[in-house]
Amino acid sequence: MEHDVELLPEPFRLDPSLPIYEQLVDAIRRQIVAGRIPPGTRLPSVRDLAAGRNINPTTAARTYQELERLGLIVTYRGQGTFVAQDMNVIANARKDMMRKAIRDFKALAASLGLTAQQLLDFDKEDADDNHS
C-alpha cells in the first residue's frame, strides 16, 4: 500500500532549543496517530527524508530508529520503511500523547493558580461571550 505522504505538517519549523530528531519524531508520531499517515503507508527513505528537509542523514536515521522503537513504523530490508499496521500500537501512542497533553494542561492551570476545570469553564464562558 503506497501513498504520496507528507511526513511533516506544513508549515513545519524547527525549534533550535530542542534536538531535531525529537521534533521530527513528535511531528511524525502526531501525523500517524491522527490518521494523516495511514497504517501500511510506505515512508520516504532516510536519504530522501534528510534531503527533503535539509537535515543530516544521521538525524533522519535516528528519527526512524526512535519511531521503530515506539512500534509506529517497521523497516523491511530491501523494501523500505512503513507505518505499522498494528492499530493497538497506534491507539496506545494516541493515549500516551493524550496523557501528556492533559498533564501539560493541568500544569499550566496550576501555574496560573487555577484548576483545569476552571480553565475549561473560562473557555466555555469566553466562547459564549464571543458568540453573543
N, C-alpha and C. Protein backbone atom coordinates (compact mmCIF):
# COMPACT_ATOMS: atom_id res chain seq x y z
N MET A 1 0.85 -1.18 0.00
CA MET A 1 0.00 0.00 0.00
C MET A 1 0.89 1.24 0.00
N GLU A 2 0.92 1.99 -1.09
CA GLU A 2 1.77 3.16 -1.19
C GLU A 2 0.91 4.40 -1.38
N HIS A 3 1.34 5.46 -0.74
CA HIS A 3 0.64 6.74 -0.85
C HIS A 3 1.68 7.82 -1.00
N ASP A 4 1.32 8.92 -1.67
CA ASP A 4 2.14 10.11 -1.55
C ASP A 4 1.82 10.65 -0.18
N VAL A 5 2.85 10.78 0.64
CA VAL A 5 2.60 11.15 2.02
C VAL A 5 3.49 12.31 2.42
N GLU A 6 2.91 13.23 3.14
CA GLU A 6 3.68 14.33 3.70
C GLU A 6 3.93 13.97 5.16
N LEU A 7 5.19 13.62 5.47
CA LEU A 7 5.53 13.19 6.82
C LEU A 7 5.31 14.27 7.85
N LEU A 8 5.63 15.49 7.48
CA LEU A 8 5.59 16.59 8.43
C LEU A 8 4.54 17.60 8.01
N PRO A 9 3.83 18.14 8.99
CA PRO A 9 2.80 19.13 8.65
C PRO A 9 3.46 20.39 8.09
N GLU A 10 2.73 21.07 7.26
CA GLU A 10 3.22 22.35 6.73
C GLU A 10 2.43 23.47 7.37
N PRO A 11 3.00 24.55 7.79
CA PRO A 11 4.44 24.73 7.84
C PRO A 11 5.02 23.98 9.04
N PHE A 12 6.23 23.49 8.89
CA PHE A 12 6.94 22.82 9.98
C PHE A 12 8.23 23.57 10.22
N ARG A 13 8.34 24.13 11.41
CA ARG A 13 9.53 24.89 11.76
C ARG A 13 10.23 24.22 12.93
N LEU A 14 11.53 24.11 12.81
CA LEU A 14 12.31 23.50 13.88
C LEU A 14 12.59 24.52 14.98
N ASP A 15 12.55 24.06 16.21
CA ASP A 15 12.87 24.86 17.38
C ASP A 15 14.35 24.62 17.70
N PRO A 16 15.18 25.64 17.58
CA PRO A 16 16.62 25.44 17.78
C PRO A 16 16.99 25.03 19.22
N SER A 17 16.06 25.17 20.15
CA SER A 17 16.37 24.82 21.54
C SER A 17 16.13 23.33 21.85
N LEU A 18 15.57 22.58 20.89
CA LEU A 18 15.27 21.16 21.11
C LEU A 18 16.00 20.31 20.07
N PRO A 19 16.37 19.07 20.45
CA PRO A 19 17.00 18.19 19.46
C PRO A 19 16.10 17.99 18.23
N ILE A 20 16.70 18.08 17.06
CA ILE A 20 15.94 17.98 15.81
C ILE A 20 15.22 16.64 15.71
N TYR A 21 15.90 15.55 16.04
CA TYR A 21 15.26 14.24 15.88
C TYR A 21 14.04 14.11 16.76
N GLU A 22 14.07 14.70 17.98
CA GLU A 22 12.90 14.63 18.87
C GLU A 22 11.72 15.37 18.26
N GLN A 23 11.98 16.51 17.63
CA GLN A 23 10.92 17.27 16.99
C GLN A 23 10.33 16.51 15.81
N LEU A 24 11.19 15.85 15.05
CA LEU A 24 10.72 15.06 13.92
C LEU A 24 9.90 13.87 14.40
N VAL A 25 10.39 13.17 15.42
CA VAL A 25 9.65 12.03 15.97
C VAL A 25 8.27 12.48 16.43
N ASP A 26 8.22 13.57 17.17
CA ASP A 26 6.93 14.06 17.68
C ASP A 26 5.97 14.42 16.54
N ALA A 27 6.49 15.12 15.53
CA ALA A 27 5.62 15.54 14.42
C ALA A 27 5.11 14.34 13.62
N ILE A 28 6.00 13.39 13.34
CA ILE A 28 5.57 12.21 12.56
C ILE A 28 4.62 11.35 13.38
N ARG A 29 4.91 11.21 14.67
CA ARG A 29 4.01 10.43 15.55
C ARG A 29 2.62 11.06 15.55
N ARG A 30 2.55 12.38 15.61
CA ARG A 30 1.24 13.06 15.56
C ARG A 30 0.52 12.77 14.25
N GLN A 31 1.25 12.80 13.14
CA GLN A 31 0.65 12.52 11.84
C GLN A 31 0.09 11.10 11.79
N ILE A 32 0.83 10.15 12.39
CA ILE A 32 0.38 8.75 12.38
C ILE A 32 -0.84 8.57 13.26
N VAL A 33 -0.80 9.07 14.50
CA VAL A 33 -1.93 8.82 15.41
C VAL A 33 -3.18 9.57 14.97
N ALA A 34 -3.00 10.67 14.24
CA ALA A 34 -4.16 11.42 13.74
C ALA A 34 -4.74 10.80 12.47
N GLY A 35 -4.04 9.78 11.94
CA GLY A 35 -4.53 9.12 10.74
C GLY A 35 -4.15 9.82 9.44
N ARG A 36 -3.34 10.86 9.52
CA ARG A 36 -2.93 11.56 8.31
C ARG A 36 -1.89 10.76 7.52
N ILE A 37 -1.22 9.83 8.21
CA ILE A 37 -0.36 8.87 7.53
C ILE A 37 -0.93 7.50 7.89
N PRO A 38 -1.68 6.89 7.00
CA PRO A 38 -2.39 5.65 7.32
C PRO A 38 -1.45 4.46 7.55
N PRO A 39 -1.93 3.47 8.33
CA PRO A 39 -1.16 2.23 8.52
C PRO A 39 -0.81 1.62 7.17
N GLY A 40 0.41 1.09 7.09
CA GLY A 40 0.86 0.45 5.86
C GLY A 40 1.48 1.39 4.84
N THR A 41 1.43 2.68 5.10
CA THR A 41 1.98 3.66 4.17
C THR A 41 3.50 3.54 4.12
N ARG A 42 4.03 3.50 2.91
CA ARG A 42 5.49 3.49 2.76
C ARG A 42 6.01 4.90 2.99
N LEU A 43 7.05 5.01 3.81
CA LEU A 43 7.65 6.30 4.14
C LEU A 43 8.85 6.56 3.24
N PRO A 44 9.24 7.81 3.11
CA PRO A 44 10.44 8.12 2.34
C PRO A 44 11.66 7.44 2.95
N SER A 45 12.65 7.18 2.13
CA SER A 45 13.90 6.61 2.66
C SER A 45 14.55 7.63 3.59
N VAL A 46 15.47 7.15 4.40
CA VAL A 46 16.23 8.05 5.28
C VAL A 46 16.90 9.13 4.45
N ARG A 47 17.50 8.72 3.35
CA ARG A 47 18.19 9.68 2.48
C ARG A 47 17.22 10.72 1.92
N ASP A 48 16.04 10.28 1.49
CA ASP A 48 15.06 11.22 0.94
C ASP A 48 14.52 12.16 2.02
N LEU A 49 14.28 11.63 3.23
CA LEU A 49 13.82 12.48 4.34
C LEU A 49 14.87 13.54 4.64
N ALA A 50 16.13 13.11 4.72
CA ALA A 50 17.21 14.06 5.02
C ALA A 50 17.33 15.13 3.94
N ALA A 51 17.31 14.72 2.68
CA ALA A 51 17.44 15.67 1.58
C ALA A 51 16.23 16.60 1.51
N GLY A 52 15.04 16.05 1.71
CA GLY A 52 13.82 16.85 1.60
C GLY A 52 13.66 17.88 2.69
N ARG A 53 14.26 17.63 3.84
CA ARG A 53 14.16 18.56 4.98
C ARG A 53 15.47 19.25 5.30
N ASN A 54 16.47 19.00 4.45
CA ASN A 54 17.78 19.62 4.63
C ASN A 54 18.34 19.35 6.03
N ILE A 55 18.29 18.08 6.44
CA ILE A 55 18.83 17.67 7.73
C ILE A 55 19.90 16.61 7.50
N ASN A 56 20.69 16.38 8.50
CA ASN A 56 21.74 15.38 8.44
C ASN A 56 21.12 13.99 8.31
N PRO A 57 21.65 13.14 7.44
CA PRO A 57 21.11 11.78 7.32
C PRO A 57 21.14 10.99 8.64
N THR A 58 22.11 11.27 9.49
CA THR A 58 22.16 10.61 10.81
C THR A 58 20.95 11.00 11.65
N THR A 59 20.53 12.25 11.54
CA THR A 59 19.34 12.72 12.27
C THR A 59 18.10 12.03 11.74
N ALA A 60 18.00 11.90 10.43
CA ALA A 60 16.86 11.21 9.82
C ALA A 60 16.84 9.74 10.25
N ALA A 61 18.01 9.10 10.27
CA ALA A 61 18.08 7.69 10.69
C ALA A 61 17.69 7.55 12.15
N ARG A 62 18.14 8.47 12.98
CA ARG A 62 17.79 8.41 14.41
C ARG A 62 16.29 8.60 14.60
N THR A 63 15.69 9.46 13.80
CA THR A 63 14.24 9.67 13.85
C THR A 63 13.51 8.36 13.58
N TYR A 64 13.89 7.70 12.50
CA TYR A 64 13.24 6.43 12.14
C TYR A 64 13.51 5.36 13.20
N GLN A 65 14.73 5.33 13.75
CA GLN A 65 15.04 4.35 14.80
C GLN A 65 14.13 4.53 16.01
N GLU A 66 13.91 5.76 16.39
CA GLU A 66 13.05 6.03 17.56
C GLU A 66 11.60 5.67 17.25
N LEU A 67 11.12 6.00 16.07
CA LEU A 67 9.75 5.63 15.70
C LEU A 67 9.60 4.12 15.63
N GLU A 68 10.64 3.43 15.20
CA GLU A 68 10.60 1.97 15.15
C GLU A 68 10.60 1.41 16.57
N ARG A 69 11.41 2.01 17.45
CA ARG A 69 11.43 1.57 18.85
C ARG A 69 10.04 1.73 19.49
N LEU A 70 9.35 2.77 19.11
CA LEU A 70 7.99 3.01 19.62
C LEU A 70 6.96 2.07 18.99
N GLY A 71 7.36 1.36 17.95
CA GLY A 71 6.47 0.42 17.28
C GLY A 71 5.58 1.05 16.24
N LEU A 72 5.81 2.33 15.93
CA LEU A 72 4.94 3.02 14.99
C LEU A 72 5.32 2.80 13.54
N ILE A 73 6.57 2.42 13.28
CA ILE A 73 6.99 2.11 11.93
C ILE A 73 7.79 0.81 11.93
N VAL A 74 7.86 0.18 10.78
CA VAL A 74 8.65 -1.04 10.61
C VAL A 74 9.46 -0.91 9.33
N THR A 75 10.66 -1.47 9.38
CA THR A 75 11.54 -1.43 8.21
C THR A 75 11.77 -2.85 7.74
N TYR A 76 11.56 -3.07 6.46
CA TYR A 76 11.82 -4.36 5.84
C TYR A 76 13.00 -4.19 4.90
N ARG A 77 14.04 -4.92 5.18
CA ARG A 77 15.26 -4.80 4.38
C ARG A 77 14.94 -5.01 2.89
N GLY A 78 15.39 -4.06 2.09
CA GLY A 78 15.20 -4.15 0.65
C GLY A 78 13.82 -3.68 0.19
N GLN A 79 12.91 -3.42 1.11
CA GLN A 79 11.56 -2.99 0.73
C GLN A 79 11.25 -1.57 1.17
N GLY A 80 11.77 -1.16 2.30
CA GLY A 80 11.53 0.19 2.78
C GLY A 80 10.97 0.23 4.18
N THR A 81 10.54 1.41 4.55
CA THR A 81 10.01 1.67 5.88
C THR A 81 8.54 2.02 5.75
N PHE A 82 7.72 1.42 6.62
CA PHE A 82 6.26 1.55 6.54
C PHE A 82 5.67 1.89 7.90
N VAL A 83 4.53 2.57 7.89
CA VAL A 83 3.78 2.77 9.12
C VAL A 83 3.25 1.41 9.56
N ALA A 84 3.38 1.14 10.86
CA ALA A 84 2.92 -0.13 11.41
C ALA A 84 1.43 -0.31 11.14
N GLN A 85 1.03 -1.57 11.00
CA GLN A 85 -0.38 -1.87 10.75
C GLN A 85 -1.11 -2.26 12.04
N ASP A 86 -0.38 -2.36 13.14
CA ASP A 86 -0.97 -2.75 14.42
C ASP A 86 -1.72 -1.56 15.03
N MET A 87 -3.04 -1.59 14.91
CA MET A 87 -3.86 -0.48 15.40
C MET A 87 -3.77 -0.32 16.91
N ASN A 88 -3.46 -1.38 17.64
CA ASN A 88 -3.30 -1.26 19.09
C ASN A 88 -2.10 -0.39 19.44
N VAL A 89 -1.01 -0.56 18.70
CA VAL A 89 0.18 0.26 18.92
C VAL A 89 -0.14 1.73 18.66
N ILE A 90 -0.85 1.99 17.58
CA ILE A 90 -1.21 3.36 17.24
C ILE A 90 -2.16 3.94 18.28
N ALA A 91 -3.13 3.15 18.72
CA ALA A 91 -4.07 3.61 19.75
C ALA A 91 -3.34 3.90 21.06
N ASN A 92 -2.38 3.07 21.42
CA ASN A 92 -1.62 3.30 22.66
C ASN A 92 -0.77 4.55 22.55
N ALA A 93 -0.20 4.80 21.37
CA ALA A 93 0.58 6.02 21.17
C ALA A 93 -0.32 7.24 21.31
N ARG A 94 -1.54 7.15 20.78
CA ARG A 94 -2.50 8.25 20.91
C ARG A 94 -2.83 8.50 22.38
N LYS A 95 -3.06 7.42 23.14
CA LYS A 95 -3.35 7.57 24.57
C LYS A 95 -2.18 8.21 25.32
N ASP A 96 -0.96 7.79 24.99
CA ASP A 96 0.22 8.40 25.62
C ASP A 96 0.28 9.90 25.34
N MET A 97 -0.01 10.29 24.10
CA MET A 97 0.01 11.70 23.75
C MET A 97 -1.11 12.46 24.44
N MET A 98 -2.26 11.82 24.59
CA MET A 98 -3.38 12.45 25.31
C MET A 98 -3.02 12.66 26.77
N ARG A 99 -2.38 11.65 27.39
CA ARG A 99 -1.98 11.78 28.79
C ARG A 99 -1.02 12.95 28.97
N LYS A 100 -0.06 13.07 28.06
CA LYS A 100 0.91 14.16 28.16
C LYS A 100 0.21 15.51 28.00
N ALA A 101 -0.70 15.61 27.05
CA ALA A 101 -1.43 16.86 26.84
C ALA A 101 -2.22 17.25 28.09
N ILE A 102 -2.84 16.27 28.72
CA ILE A 102 -3.61 16.54 29.94
C ILE A 102 -2.69 16.98 31.07
N ARG A 103 -1.54 16.29 31.22
CA ARG A 103 -0.57 16.69 32.26
C ARG A 103 -0.10 18.13 32.03
N ASP A 104 0.20 18.45 30.77
CA ASP A 104 0.66 19.80 30.44
C ASP A 104 -0.44 20.83 30.71
N PHE A 105 -1.67 20.49 30.38
CA PHE A 105 -2.80 21.39 30.60
C PHE A 105 -2.99 21.65 32.10
N LYS A 106 -2.93 20.58 32.88
CA LYS A 106 -3.08 20.73 34.34
C LYS A 106 -1.93 21.55 34.93
N ALA A 107 -0.72 21.33 34.43
CA ALA A 107 0.43 22.09 34.92
C ALA A 107 0.26 23.58 34.58
N LEU A 108 -0.22 23.87 33.38
CA LEU A 108 -0.45 25.26 33.00
C LEU A 108 -1.49 25.89 33.91
N ALA A 109 -2.58 25.18 34.14
CA ALA A 109 -3.63 25.70 35.03
C ALA A 109 -3.05 25.98 36.42
N ALA A 110 -2.29 25.04 36.94
CA ALA A 110 -1.70 25.21 38.28
C ALA A 110 -0.75 26.40 38.31
N SER A 111 -0.01 26.62 37.23
CA SER A 111 0.92 27.76 37.19
C SER A 111 0.18 29.09 37.22
N LEU A 112 -1.09 29.07 36.85
CA LEU A 112 -1.93 30.27 36.88
C LEU A 112 -2.75 30.35 38.17
N GLY A 113 -2.55 29.37 39.05
CA GLY A 113 -3.32 29.33 40.30
C GLY A 113 -4.74 28.87 40.10
N LEU A 114 -4.97 28.08 39.04
CA LEU A 114 -6.30 27.61 38.70
C LEU A 114 -6.32 26.09 38.61
N THR A 115 -7.52 25.55 38.59
CA THR A 115 -7.67 24.13 38.30
C THR A 115 -7.92 23.98 36.80
N ALA A 116 -7.75 22.78 36.31
CA ALA A 116 -8.04 22.52 34.91
C ALA A 116 -9.51 22.83 34.62
N GLN A 117 -10.40 22.48 35.55
CA GLN A 117 -11.82 22.74 35.35
C GLN A 117 -12.11 24.23 35.25
N GLN A 118 -11.40 25.04 36.04
CA GLN A 118 -11.61 26.49 35.96
C GLN A 118 -11.20 27.02 34.58
N LEU A 119 -10.13 26.48 34.02
CA LEU A 119 -9.74 26.89 32.67
C LEU A 119 -10.78 26.48 31.64
N LEU A 120 -11.30 25.26 31.77
CA LEU A 120 -12.33 24.79 30.85
C LEU A 120 -13.60 25.63 30.97
N ASP A 121 -13.97 25.96 32.21
CA ASP A 121 -15.15 26.81 32.43
C ASP A 121 -14.95 28.19 31.80
N PHE A 122 -13.75 28.74 31.97
CA PHE A 122 -13.45 30.03 31.35
C PHE A 122 -13.57 29.95 29.84
N ASP A 123 -13.04 28.89 29.26
CA ASP A 123 -13.10 28.72 27.81
C ASP A 123 -14.55 28.70 27.33
N LYS A 124 -15.41 27.98 28.05
CA LYS A 124 -16.82 27.91 27.65
C LYS A 124 -17.48 29.27 27.78
N GLU A 125 -17.25 29.95 28.90
CA GLU A 125 -17.83 31.28 29.11
C GLU A 125 -17.33 32.27 28.06
N ASP A 126 -16.04 32.21 27.78
CA ASP A 126 -15.43 33.11 26.80
C ASP A 126 -16.02 32.87 25.41
N ALA A 127 -16.20 31.60 25.06
CA ALA A 127 -16.78 31.27 23.76
C ALA A 127 -18.22 31.77 23.68
N ASP A 128 -18.95 31.58 24.78
CA ASP A 128 -20.35 32.04 24.81
C ASP A 128 -20.42 33.57 24.67
N ASP A 129 -19.51 34.29 25.37
CA ASP A 129 -19.49 35.75 25.31
C ASP A 129 -19.14 36.25 23.92
N ASN A 130 -18.26 35.54 23.22
CA ASN A 130 -17.83 35.96 21.88
C ASN A 130 -18.85 35.63 20.81
N HIS A 131 -19.81 34.77 21.12
CA HIS A 131 -20.86 34.43 20.15
C HIS A 131 -22.16 35.20 20.40
N SER A 132 -22.16 36.01 21.44
CA SER A 132 -23.38 36.77 21.76
C SER A 132 -23.45 38.05 20.98
